[in-house]
Amino acid sequence: MPTQTFFNLPEAKRQTIVKLAIAQFASHDYKIASISNIVKQAKIAKGSFYQYFEDKKDLYLYLVDLAHQQKIDFLQQAKPPELEMEFFPYLRWLFRESAQFDLSHPALSQIINRAVYGDVPFRDEVLKRTQSVSLMYVHRLVKQGIDRGDIDPGIDPDFAAFIISALADGLRDFIPQRLSLNSEQLTEAGVPELNMQVVERVFDDLIRVLEHGMGRSSNTKR
């Protein structure tokens, strides 16, 4: 985490450093990304950087946390098509909005993509941090769904949140495979063009499985 010295900087200076750091890590793999380039462009002494962050890893983890928090803020501020949506239609809408965030925030999306698909030497630590944030968010939604009567009250909310989060995390690998995208394409500068019809069908299938399960419905059984 950044030091208090960093947070004591004027807002404009903090934002400049963060913006330059995002651009650097979004366009380069972790090993290639350069702190020297960031401080040079920010016009600060390299020694000052180490008063703000412990090291390169500390800065990178801060950016990953920032990217995920901005994504959650984006989802929370987005307006659903209906004010009182049931849990599963709302979850389906969230998946679509999440994809829209990636398309409309390419640099932040690349921070996350490089964390997942790039050469980060502490990838497991990064995934653990991001999954923890997502799990808390989904758990809150599940509890609301149970309280509203949209989800079976007999279901353990911890387990339900775990299942939804695990499936959502799995889409990171499944969707690129379905779109025939490799890891190099996913870590190139910019977000690759996506066939949103294919992505939307994946989201539809996921929600169908979550809401109705994988067994045949009674009217289709022989």
C-alpha atoms as a PDB file:
ATOM      1  CA  MET A   1       0.000   0.000   0.000  1.00  0.00           C
ATOM      2  CA  PRO A   2       1.164   3.572  -0.603  1.00  0.00           C
ATOM      3  CA  THR A   3       2.633   5.401   2.357  1.00  0.00           C
ATOM      4  CA  GLN A   4       0.917   8.294   4.070  1.00  0.00           C
ATOM      5  CA  THR A   5       3.487  10.533   2.372  1.00  0.00           C
ATOM      6  CA  PHE A   6       1.917   9.634  -0.969  1.00  0.00           C
ATOM      7  CA  PHE A   7      -1.577  10.460   0.260  1.00  0.00           C
ATOM      8  CA  ASN A   8      -0.307  13.766   1.637  1.00  0.00           C
ATOM      9  CA  LEU A   9       0.690  14.868  -1.873  1.00  0.00           C
ATOM     10  CA  PRO A  10      -1.534  17.391  -3.668  1.00  0.00           C
ATOM     11  CA  GLU A  11      -4.366  15.626  -5.482  1.00  0.00           C
ATOM     12  CA  ALA A  12      -3.140  16.666  -8.930  1.00  0.00           C
ATOM     13  CA  LYS A  13       0.350  15.264  -8.302  1.00  0.00           C
ATOM     14  CA  ARG A  14      -1.022  11.981  -6.961  1.00  0.00           C
ATOM     15  CA  GLN A  15      -3.274  11.588  -9.970  1.00  0.00           C
ATOM     16  CA  THR A  16      -0.395  12.328 -12.348  1.00  0.00           C
ATOM     17  CA  ILE A  17       1.750   9.592 -10.785  1.00  0.00           C
ATOM     18  CA  VAL A  18      -1.111   7.102 -10.839  1.00  0.00           C
ATOM     19  CA  LYS A  19      -2.040   7.938 -14.431  1.00  0.00           C
ATOM     20  CA  LEU A  20       1.548   7.497 -15.622  1.00  0.00           C
ATOM     21  CA  ALA A  21       1.926   4.256 -13.650  1.00  0.00           C
ATOM     22  CA  ILE A  22      -1.275   2.846 -15.158  1.00  0.00           C
ATOM     23  CA  ALA A  23      -0.060   3.703 -18.659  1.00  0.00           C
ATOM     24  CA  GLN A  24       3.315   2.076 -17.998  1.00  0.00           C
ATOM     25  CA  PHE A  25       1.950  -1.198 -16.598  1.00  0.00           C
ATOM     26  CA  ALA A  26      -0.908  -1.336 -19.093  1.00  0.00           C
ATOM     27  CA  SER A  27       1.469  -1.208 -22.046  1.00  0.00           C
ATOM     28  CA  HIS A  28       4.319  -3.342 -20.666  1.00  0.00           C
ATOM     29  CA  ASP A  29       4.641  -6.681 -18.910  1.00  0.00           C
ATOM     30  CA  TYR A  30       5.577  -6.423 -15.249  1.00  0.00           C
ATOM     31  CA  LYS A  31       9.258  -7.280 -15.769  1.00  0.00           C
ATOM     32  CA  ILE A  32       9.644  -4.666 -18.503  1.00  0.00           C
ATOM     33  CA  ALA A  33       7.623  -1.861 -16.892  1.00  0.00           C
ATOM     34  CA  SER A  34      10.032   0.784 -15.616  1.00  0.00           C
ATOM     35  CA  ILE A  35       9.834   2.861 -12.462  1.00  0.00           C
ATOM     36  CA  SER A  36      12.512   5.094 -14.012  1.00  0.00           C
ATOM     37  CA  ASN A  37      10.171   5.926 -16.892  1.00  0.00           C
ATOM     38  CA  ILE A  38       7.349   6.769 -14.494  1.00  0.00           C
ATOM     39  CA  VAL A  39       9.386   9.116 -12.301  1.00  0.00           C
ATOM     40  CA  LYS A  40      10.983  10.756 -15.345  1.00  0.00           C
ATOM     41  CA  GLN A  41       7.596  11.512 -16.887  1.00  0.00           C
ATOM     42  CA  ALA A  42       6.185  12.604 -13.514  1.00  0.00           C
ATOM     43  CA  LYS A  43       9.221  14.871 -13.032  1.00  0.00           C
ATOM     44  CA  ILE A  44       9.984  13.566  -9.571  1.00  0.00           C
ATOM     45  CA  ALA A  45      13.218  12.207  -8.096  1.00  0.00           C
ATOM     46  CA  LYS A  46      13.501   8.437  -8.022  1.00  0.00           C
ATOM     47  CA  GLY A  47      14.209   8.681  -4.307  1.00  0.00           C
ATOM     48  CA  SER A  48      10.827  10.368  -3.867  1.00  0.00           C
ATOM     49  CA  PHE A  49       9.130   7.342  -5.386  1.00  0.00           C
ATOM     50  CA  TYR A  50      10.451   5.163  -2.567  1.00  0.00           C
ATOM     51  CA  GLN A  51       8.931   7.572  -0.083  1.00  0.00           C
ATOM     52  CA  TYR A  52       5.551   6.836  -1.686  1.00  0.00           C
ATOM     53  CA  PHE A  53       5.824   3.104  -2.380  1.00  0.00           C
ATOM     54  CA  GLU A  54       7.992   0.359  -0.938  1.00  0.00           C
ATOM     55  CA  ASP A  55       9.004  -0.967  -4.342  1.00  0.00           C
ATOM     56  CA  LYS A  56       7.741  -1.812  -7.829  1.00  0.00           C
ATOM     57  CA  LYS A  57       5.589  -4.668  -6.520  1.00  0.00           C
ATOM     58  CA  ASP A  58       3.938  -2.380  -3.984  1.00  0.00           C
ATOM     59  CA  LEU A  59       2.983   0.068  -6.747  1.00  0.00           C
ATOM     60  CA  TYR A  60       1.707  -2.713  -8.994  1.00  0.00           C
ATOM     61  CA  LEU A  61      -0.507  -4.254  -6.305  1.00  0.00           C
ATOM     62  CA  TYR A  62      -1.913  -0.805  -5.592  1.00  0.00           C
ATOM     63  CA  LEU A  63      -2.817  -0.405  -9.279  1.00  0.00           C
ATOM     64  CA  VAL A  64      -4.462  -3.843  -9.382  1.00  0.00           C
ATOM     65  CA  ASP A  65      -6.521  -2.971  -6.303  1.00  0.00           C
ATOM     66  CA  LEU A  66      -7.379   0.392  -7.836  1.00  0.00           C
ATOM     67  CA  ALA A  67      -8.505  -1.201 -11.109  1.00  0.00           C
ATOM     68  CA  HIS A  68     -10.787  -3.644  -9.333  1.00  0.00           C
ATOM     69  CA  GLN A  69     -12.209  -1.008  -7.001  1.00  0.00           C
ATOM     70  CA  GLN A  70     -12.962   1.304  -9.935  1.00  0.00           C
ATOM     71  CA  LYS A  71     -14.689  -1.582 -11.679  1.00  0.00           C
ATOM     72  CA  ILE A  72     -16.865  -2.224  -8.639  1.00  0.00           C
ATOM     73  CA  ASP A  73     -17.598   1.506  -8.325  1.00  0.00           C
ATOM     74  CA  PHE A  74     -18.562   1.532 -12.008  1.00  0.00           C
ATOM     75  CA  LEU A  75     -20.986  -1.358 -11.483  1.00  0.00           C
ATOM     76  CA  GLN A  76     -22.493   0.187  -8.372  1.00  0.00           C
ATOM     77  CA  GLN A  77     -23.056   3.519 -10.118  1.00  0.00           C
ATOM     78  CA  ALA A  78     -24.454   2.036 -13.326  1.00  0.00           C
ATOM     79  CA  LYS A  79     -28.224   2.231 -13.634  1.00  0.00           C
ATOM     80  CA  PRO A  80     -29.990  -1.078 -14.335  1.00  0.00           C
ATOM     81  CA  PRO A  81     -32.860  -1.063 -16.862  1.00  0.00           C
ATOM     82  CA  GLU A  82     -35.310  -1.657 -14.011  1.00  0.00           C
ATOM     83  CA  LEU A  83     -35.039  -0.253 -10.503  1.00  0.00           C
ATOM     84  CA  GLU A  84     -36.209  -3.443  -8.787  1.00  0.00           C
ATOM     85  CA  MET A  85     -34.664  -6.286 -10.768  1.00  0.00           C
ATOM     86  CA  GLU A  86     -34.724  -9.833  -9.445  1.00  0.00           C
ATOM     87  CA  PHE A  87     -31.381 -11.374  -8.534  1.00  0.00           C
ATOM     88  CA  PHE A  88     -30.664 -13.430 -11.654  1.00  0.00           C
ATOM     89  CA  PRO A  89     -31.636 -10.791 -14.254  1.00  0.00           C
ATOM     90  CA  TYR A  90     -29.595  -8.304 -12.221  1.00  0.00           C
ATOM     91  CA  LEU A  91     -26.590 -10.641 -12.149  1.00  0.00           C
ATOM     92  CA  ARG A  92     -26.901 -11.106 -15.909  1.00  0.00           C
ATOM     93  CA  TRP A  93     -26.950  -7.330 -16.340  1.00  0.00           C
ATOM     94  CA  LEU A  94     -23.853  -7.029 -14.110  1.00  0.00           C
ATOM     95  CA  PHE A  95     -21.897  -9.401 -16.333  1.00  0.00           C
ATOM     96  CA  ARG A  96     -22.713  -7.250 -19.337  1.00  0.00           C
ATOM     97  CA  GLU A  97     -21.791  -4.042 -17.512  1.00  0.00           C
ATOM     98  CA  SER A  98     -18.531  -5.624 -16.418  1.00  0.00           C
ATOM     99  CA  ALA A  99     -17.681  -6.272 -20.062  1.00  0.00           C
ATOM    100  CA  GLN A 100     -18.614  -2.673 -20.876  1.00  0.00           C
ATOM    101  CA  PHE A 101     -16.207  -1.439 -18.201  1.00  0.00           C
ATOM    102  CA  ASP A 102     -13.387  -3.386 -19.833  1.00  0.00           C
ATOM    103  CA  LEU A 103     -14.186  -1.857 -23.209  1.00  0.00           C
ATOM    104  CA  SER A 104     -14.559   1.695 -21.908  1.00  0.00           C
ATOM    105  CA  HIS A 105     -11.526   1.587 -19.565  1.00  0.00           C
ATOM    106  CA  PRO A 106      -8.882  -0.136 -21.709  1.00  0.00           C
ATOM    107  CA  ALA A 107      -5.858   0.854 -19.597  1.00  0.00           C
ATOM    108  CA  LEU A 108      -7.368  -0.405 -16.336  1.00  0.00           C
ATOM    109  CA  SER A 109      -8.582  -3.509 -18.156  1.00  0.00           C
ATOM    110  CA  GLN A 110      -5.029  -4.149 -19.340  1.00  0.00           C
ATOM    111  CA  ILE A 111      -3.724  -3.875 -15.773  1.00  0.00           C
ATOM    112  CA  ILE A 112      -6.059  -6.738 -14.861  1.00  0.00           C
ATOM    113  CA  ASN A 113      -5.347  -8.691 -18.065  1.00  0.00           C
ATOM    114  CA  ARG A 114      -1.601  -8.528 -17.544  1.00  0.00           C
ATOM    115  CA  ALA A 115      -2.066  -9.602 -13.931  1.00  0.00           C
ATOM    116  CA  VAL A 116      -3.967 -12.683 -15.094  1.00  0.00           C
ATOM    117  CA  TYR A 117      -2.267 -13.569 -18.387  1.00  0.00           C
ATOM    118  CA  GLY A 118       1.121 -11.834 -18.229  1.00  0.00           C
ATOM    119  CA  ASP A 119       4.471 -12.587 -16.651  1.00  0.00           C
ATOM    120  CA  VAL A 120       3.764 -11.315 -13.117  1.00  0.00           C
ATOM    121  CA  PRO A 121       6.041 -13.371 -10.830  1.00  0.00           C
ATOM    122  CA  PHE A 122       3.566 -13.178  -7.938  1.00  0.00           C
ATOM    123  CA  ARG A 123       0.451 -14.008  -9.969  1.00  0.00           C
ATOM    124  CA  ASP A 124      -1.129 -16.156  -7.236  1.00  0.00           C
ATOM    125  CA  GLU A 125      -0.938 -13.258  -4.785  1.00  0.00           C
ATOM    126  CA  VAL A 126      -2.554 -10.931  -7.311  1.00  0.00           C
ATOM    127  CA  LEU A 127      -5.392 -13.360  -8.019  1.00  0.00           C
ATOM    128  CA  LYS A 128      -5.991 -13.908  -4.317  1.00  0.00           C
ATOM    129  CA  ARG A 129      -6.364 -10.163  -3.757  1.00  0.00           C
ATOM    130  CA  THR A 130      -8.703  -9.634  -6.681  1.00  0.00           C
ATOM    131  CA  GLN A 131     -10.815 -12.682  -5.866  1.00  0.00           C
ATOM    132  CA  SER A 132     -11.196 -11.512  -2.274  1.00  0.00           C
ATOM    133  CA  VAL A 133     -12.628  -8.157  -3.401  1.00  0.00           C
ATOM    134  CA  SER A 134     -15.000  -9.806  -5.897  1.00  0.00           C
ATOM    135  CA  LEU A 135     -16.154 -12.401  -3.373  1.00  0.00           C
ATOM    136  CA  MET A 136     -17.175  -9.761  -0.839  1.00  0.00           C
ATOM    137  CA  TYR A 137     -19.130  -7.879  -3.498  1.00  0.00           C
ATOM    138  CA  VAL A 138     -20.944 -11.005  -4.727  1.00  0.00           C
ATOM    139  CA  HIS A 139     -21.655 -12.148  -1.170  1.00  0.00           C
ATOM    140  CA  ARG A 140     -23.460  -8.878  -0.497  1.00  0.00           C
ATOM    141  CA  LEU A 141     -25.571  -9.354  -3.635  1.00  0.00           C
ATOM    142  CA  VAL A 142     -26.425 -12.941  -2.660  1.00  0.00           C
ATOM    143  CA  LYS A 143     -27.571 -11.857   0.787  1.00  0.00           C
ATOM    144  CA  GLN A 144     -29.813  -9.240  -0.813  1.00  0.00           C
ATOM    145  CA  GLY A 145     -31.189 -11.889  -3.187  1.00  0.00           C
ATOM    146  CA  ILE A 146     -32.031 -14.174  -0.278  1.00  0.00           C
ATOM    147  CA  ASP A 147     -33.679 -11.338   1.650  1.00  0.00           C
ATOM    148  CA  ARG A 148     -35.764 -10.453  -1.431  1.00  0.00           C
ATOM    149  CA  GLY A 149     -36.879 -14.059  -1.890  1.00  0.00           C
ATOM    150  CA  ASP A 150     -35.113 -14.469  -5.251  1.00  0.00           C
ATOM    151  CA  ILE A 151     -32.767 -17.165  -3.907  1.00  0.00           C
ATOM    152  CA  ASP A 152     -33.695 -20.269  -1.935  1.00  0.00           C
ATOM    153  CA  PRO A 153     -33.238 -19.268   1.743  1.00  0.00           C
ATOM    154  CA  GLY A 154     -31.893 -22.741   2.476  1.00  0.00           C
ATOM    155  CA  ILE A 155     -28.797 -22.069   0.375  1.00  0.00           C
ATOM    156  CA  ASP A 156     -25.626 -21.131   2.257  1.00  0.00           C
ATOM    157  CA  PRO A 157     -24.818 -17.556   1.099  1.00  0.00           C
ATOM    158  CA  ASP A 158     -21.083 -18.155   1.579  1.00  0.00           C
ATOM    159  CA  PHE A 159     -21.200 -21.181  -0.732  1.00  0.00           C
ATOM    160  CA  ALA A 160     -23.444 -19.426  -3.266  1.00  0.00           C
ATOM    161  CA  ALA A 161     -21.078 -16.449  -3.415  1.00  0.00           C
ATOM    162  CA  PHE A 162     -18.127 -18.814  -3.796  1.00  0.00           C
ATOM    163  CA  ILE A 163     -19.782 -20.663  -6.706  1.00  0.00           C
ATOM    164  CA  ILE A 164     -20.725 -17.457  -8.551  1.00  0.00           C
ATOM    165  CA  SER A 165     -17.270 -15.930  -8.018  1.00  0.00           C
ATOM    166  CA  ALA A 166     -15.501 -19.136  -9.091  1.00  0.00           C
ATOM    167  CA  LEU A 167     -17.572 -19.345 -12.279  1.00  0.00           C
ATOM    168  CA  ALA A 168     -17.009 -15.667 -13.035  1.00  0.00           C
ATOM    169  CA  ASP A 169     -13.265 -16.123 -12.540  1.00  0.00           C
ATOM    170  CA  GLY A 170     -13.362 -19.130 -14.842  1.00  0.00           C
ATOM    171  CA  LEU A 171     -14.810 -16.957 -17.599  1.00  0.00           C
ATOM    172  CA  ARG A 172     -11.413 -15.233 -17.784  1.00  0.00           C
ATOM    173  CA  ASP A 173     -10.122 -18.393 -19.446  1.00  0.00           C
ATOM    174  CA  PHE A 174     -13.294 -19.700 -21.069  1.00  0.00           C
ATOM    175  CA  ILE A 175     -14.306 -16.565 -23.007  1.00  0.00           C
ATOM    176  CA  PRO A 176     -10.886 -16.011 -24.628  1.00  0.00           C
ATOM    177  CA  GLN A 177     -10.843 -19.696 -25.641  1.00  0.00           C
ATOM    178  CA  ARG A 178     -14.339 -19.382 -27.088  1.00  0.00           C
ATOM    179  CA  LEU A 179     -13.210 -16.272 -29.000  1.00  0.00           C
ATOM    180  CA  SER A 180      -9.950 -17.947 -30.109  1.00  0.00           C
ATOM    181  CA  LEU A 181      -7.838 -15.318 -28.341  1.00  0.00           C
ATOM    182  CA  ASN A 182      -4.436 -16.217 -26.934  1.00  0.00           C
ATOM    183  CA  SER A 183      -2.599 -14.716 -23.967  1.00  0.00           C
ATOM    184  CA  GLU A 184      -0.410 -12.561 -26.213  1.00  0.00           C
ATOM    185  CA  GLN A 185      -3.471 -10.901 -27.741  1.00  0.00           C
ATOM    186  CA  LEU A 186      -4.927 -10.289 -24.289  1.00  0.00           C
ATOM    187  CA  THR A 187      -1.802  -8.532 -23.058  1.00  0.00           C
ATOM    188  CA  GLU A 188      -1.206  -6.390 -26.135  1.00  0.00           C
ATOM    189  CA  ALA A 189      -1.826  -2.651 -25.829  1.00  0.00           C
ATOM    190  CA  GLY A 190      -5.534  -1.973 -26.007  1.00  0.00           C
ATOM    191  CA  VAL A 191      -8.469  -4.327 -25.574  1.00  0.00           C
ATOM    192  CA  PRO A 192      -8.908  -6.808 -28.449  1.00  0.00           C
ATOM    193  CA  GLU A 193     -12.094  -6.507 -30.458  1.00  0.00           C
ATOM    194  CA  LEU A 194     -14.657  -8.898 -29.017  1.00  0.00           C
ATOM    195  CA  ASN A 195     -17.525 -10.710 -30.664  1.00  0.00           C
ATOM    196  CA  MET A 196     -20.100  -9.513 -28.151  1.00  0.00           C
ATOM    197  CA  GLN A 197     -22.770 -11.878 -29.490  1.00  0.00           C
ATOM    198  CA  VAL A 198     -20.613 -14.818 -28.424  1.00  0.00           C
ATOM    199  CA  VAL A 199     -19.862 -13.191 -25.063  1.00  0.00           C
ATOM    200  CA  GLU A 200     -23.556 -12.470 -24.458  1.00  0.00           C
ATOM    201  CA  ARG A 201     -24.450 -16.120 -25.153  1.00  0.00           C
ATOM    202  CA  VAL A 202     -21.852 -17.240 -22.615  1.00  0.00           C
ATOM    203  CA  PHE A 203     -23.395 -14.925 -20.024  1.00  0.00           C
ATOM    204  CA  ASP A 204     -26.881 -16.224 -20.852  1.00  0.00           C
ATOM    205  CA  ASP A 205     -25.760 -19.841 -20.434  1.00  0.00           C
ATOM    206  CA  LEU A 206     -24.044 -19.092 -17.140  1.00  0.00           C
ATOM    207  CA  ILE A 207     -27.129 -17.425 -15.669  1.00  0.00           C
ATOM    208  CA  ARG A 208     -29.325 -20.272 -16.923  1.00  0.00           C
ATOM    209  CA  VAL A 209     -27.135 -22.806 -15.109  1.00  0.00           C
ATOM    210  CA  LEU A 210     -27.067 -20.733 -11.913  1.00  0.00           C
ATOM    211  CA  GLU A 211     -30.823 -20.165 -11.878  1.00  0.00           C
ATOM    212  CA  HIS A 212     -32.119 -23.520 -13.101  1.00  0.00           C
ATOM    213  CA  GLY A 213     -29.257 -25.980 -12.680  1.00  0.00           C
ATOM    214  CA  MET A 214     -28.052 -28.509 -15.252  1.00  0.00           C
ATOM    215  CA  GLY A 215     -30.775 -31.143 -14.937  1.00  0.00           C
ATOM    216  CA  ARG A 216     -33.530 -31.437 -17.474  1.00  0.00           C
ATOM    217  CA  SER A 217     -36.676 -29.507 -16.730  1.00  0.00           C
ATOM    218  CA  SER A 218     -39.777 -31.628 -16.090  1.00  0.00           C
ATOM    219  CA  ASN A 219     -41.330 -30.783 -19.447  1.00  0.00           C
ATOM    220  CA  THR A 220     -38.267 -32.001 -21.365  1.00  0.00           C
ATOM    221  CA  LYS A 221     -37.749 -35.313 -19.559  1.00  0.00           C
ATOM    222  CA  ARG A 222     -38.872 -38.442 -21.337  1.00  0.00           C
END
